[in-house]
């Protein structure tokens, strides 16, 4: 019998390692200082390209920084991804400027790169 978990799920999630699709570790920093930062696994795209069909004749292409976060990665005391929160990826901090529905159980966050490091964030 084919072991779906071994051959499909495990390589995709990477078991917490960097190799998986959702395997890049990031520090999620809530803007609300009552909550402590926590680790999440994300699918990060510094040059995410999106095509939207505004009309039948001309598609509109946009490029930006995006990350995809599975909602099951969020802790129970902070279950919702919020605009204004931050992600720290490989010692670089990004602001979450928009949260969009992607597929069931996953949300796309549009990110803005911070120019200068801030002492408010954890290294």
Protein backbone atom coordinates (compact mmCIF):
# COMPACT_ATOMS: atom_id res chain seq x y z
CA UNK A 1 0.00 0.00 0.00
CA UNK A 2 1.24 3.50 -0.86
CA UNK A 3 2.27 5.50 2.22
CA UNK A 4 0.81 8.94 1.43
CA UNK A 5 2.23 10.56 4.58
CA UNK A 6 5.75 9.30 3.93
CA UNK A 7 6.00 10.18 0.24
CA UNK A 8 3.70 13.22 -0.11
CA UNK A 9 2.96 15.00 3.18
CA UNK A 10 6.33 14.65 4.90
CA UNK A 11 8.39 16.15 2.02
CA UNK A 12 5.88 18.99 1.64
CA UNK A 13 5.90 20.09 5.26
CA UNK A 14 9.56 19.23 5.79
CA UNK A 15 8.92 18.14 9.38
CA UNK A 16 10.01 21.59 10.60
CA UNK A 17 13.10 21.67 8.41
CA UNK A 18 13.86 24.11 5.61
CA UNK A 19 13.43 21.50 2.86
CA UNK A 20 9.63 21.43 2.83
CA UNK A 21 7.24 23.64 0.88
CA UNK A 22 6.08 25.27 4.10
CA UNK A 23 9.46 24.76 5.70
CA UNK A 24 10.99 28.23 6.02
CA UNK A 25 10.94 29.24 9.66
CA UNK A 26 9.89 32.81 10.43
CA UNK A 27 9.28 34.74 13.61
CA UNK A 28 5.72 36.09 13.75
CA UNK A 29 5.71 39.33 15.76
CA UNK A 30 2.25 40.56 16.79
CA UNK A 31 1.85 44.34 16.76
CA UNK A 32 -0.07 43.97 20.02
CA UNK A 33 2.75 43.81 22.59
CA UNK A 34 0.55 41.78 24.97
CA UNK A 35 1.44 38.73 22.84
CA UNK A 36 4.91 37.23 22.60
CA UNK A 37 6.48 36.54 19.18
CA UNK A 38 6.29 32.92 18.01
CA UNK A 39 7.74 30.73 15.25
CA UNK A 40 5.71 29.77 12.17
CA UNK A 41 6.57 27.83 9.03
CA UNK A 42 5.87 29.77 5.84
CA UNK A 43 6.16 29.62 2.07
CA UNK A 44 8.08 32.84 1.29
CA UNK A 45 8.30 34.56 -2.13
CA UNK A 46 10.39 37.73 -2.43
CA UNK A 47 9.34 38.15 -6.07
CA UNK A 48 5.77 36.81 -6.05
CA UNK A 49 4.09 37.44 -9.39
CA UNK A 50 0.32 37.56 -9.65
CA UNK A 51 -1.82 37.85 -12.77
CA UNK A 52 -5.35 39.24 -12.48
CA UNK A 53 -7.75 39.33 -15.38
CA UNK A 54 -9.41 42.75 -15.13
CA UNK A 55 -10.90 42.40 -18.61
CA UNK A 56 -11.04 39.59 -21.12
CA UNK A 57 -8.42 41.29 -23.31
CA UNK A 58 -5.66 42.47 -20.96
CA UNK A 59 -4.29 40.67 -17.92
CA UNK A 60 -2.72 42.86 -15.23
CA UNK A 61 0.49 41.55 -13.68
CA UNK A 62 1.83 42.67 -10.34
CA UNK A 63 4.91 41.68 -8.38
CA UNK A 64 5.53 41.89 -4.66
CA UNK A 65 6.77 40.21 -1.52
CA UNK A 66 4.38 37.57 -0.20
CA UNK A 67 4.25 34.70 2.25
CA UNK A 68 1.72 31.93 2.59
CA UNK A 69 0.89 30.84 6.14
CA UNK A 70 -1.15 27.80 7.07
CA UNK A 71 -3.68 28.71 9.73
CA UNK A 72 -2.83 25.53 11.65
CA UNK A 73 0.61 27.11 12.27
CA UNK A 74 -0.98 29.86 14.36
CA UNK A 75 -1.13 29.27 18.13
CA UNK A 76 -4.48 28.91 19.88
CA UNK A 77 -4.03 32.17 21.80
CA UNK A 78 -3.37 34.09 18.54
CA UNK A 79 -5.29 32.25 15.79
CA UNK A 80 -5.75 35.08 13.28
CA UNK A 81 -3.17 36.72 11.00
CA UNK A 82 -3.58 40.48 11.32
CA UNK A 83 -2.62 43.42 9.14
CA UNK A 84 0.01 45.48 10.97
CA UNK A 85 1.78 42.47 12.47
CA UNK A 86 5.32 41.60 11.39
CA UNK A 87 7.32 38.64 10.10
CA UNK A 88 11.03 38.28 10.67
CA UNK A 89 12.57 36.06 8.00
CA UNK A 90 16.30 35.36 8.09
CA UNK A 91 17.00 38.48 10.24
CA UNK A 92 14.98 40.72 7.95
CA UNK A 93 11.73 42.22 9.23
CA UNK A 94 8.64 42.68 7.05
CA UNK A 95 5.36 44.44 7.85
CA UNK A 96 2.14 42.59 6.98
CA UNK A 97 0.29 45.16 4.87
CA UNK A 98 -2.52 42.92 3.63
CA UNK A 99 -4.02 39.52 4.44
CA UNK A 100 -5.81 37.69 1.61
CA UNK A 101 -7.67 34.40 1.44
CA UNK A 102 -5.65 31.91 -0.61
CA UNK A 103 -6.96 28.36 -0.34
CA UNK A 104 -8.85 26.65 2.49
CA UNK A 105 -6.59 26.67 5.55
CA UNK A 106 -3.99 29.02 4.08
CA UNK A 107 -3.76 32.80 3.84
CA UNK A 108 -1.52 34.94 1.67
CA UNK A 109 0.12 37.87 3.41
CA UNK A 110 1.46 40.76 1.36
CA UNK A 111 4.63 42.09 2.95
CA UNK A 112 6.54 45.36 3.00
CA UNK A 113 10.25 45.28 3.73
CA UNK A 114 11.36 47.50 6.60
CA UNK A 115 14.29 49.75 5.69
CA UNK A 116 16.01 49.94 9.06
CA UNK A 117 16.18 47.36 11.82
CA UNK A 118 14.13 48.24 14.85
CA UNK A 119 15.12 47.60 18.48
CA UNK A 120 11.50 46.60 19.14
CA UNK A 121 11.99 43.28 17.40
CA UNK A 122 13.83 40.19 18.48
CA UNK A 123 17.08 39.22 16.72
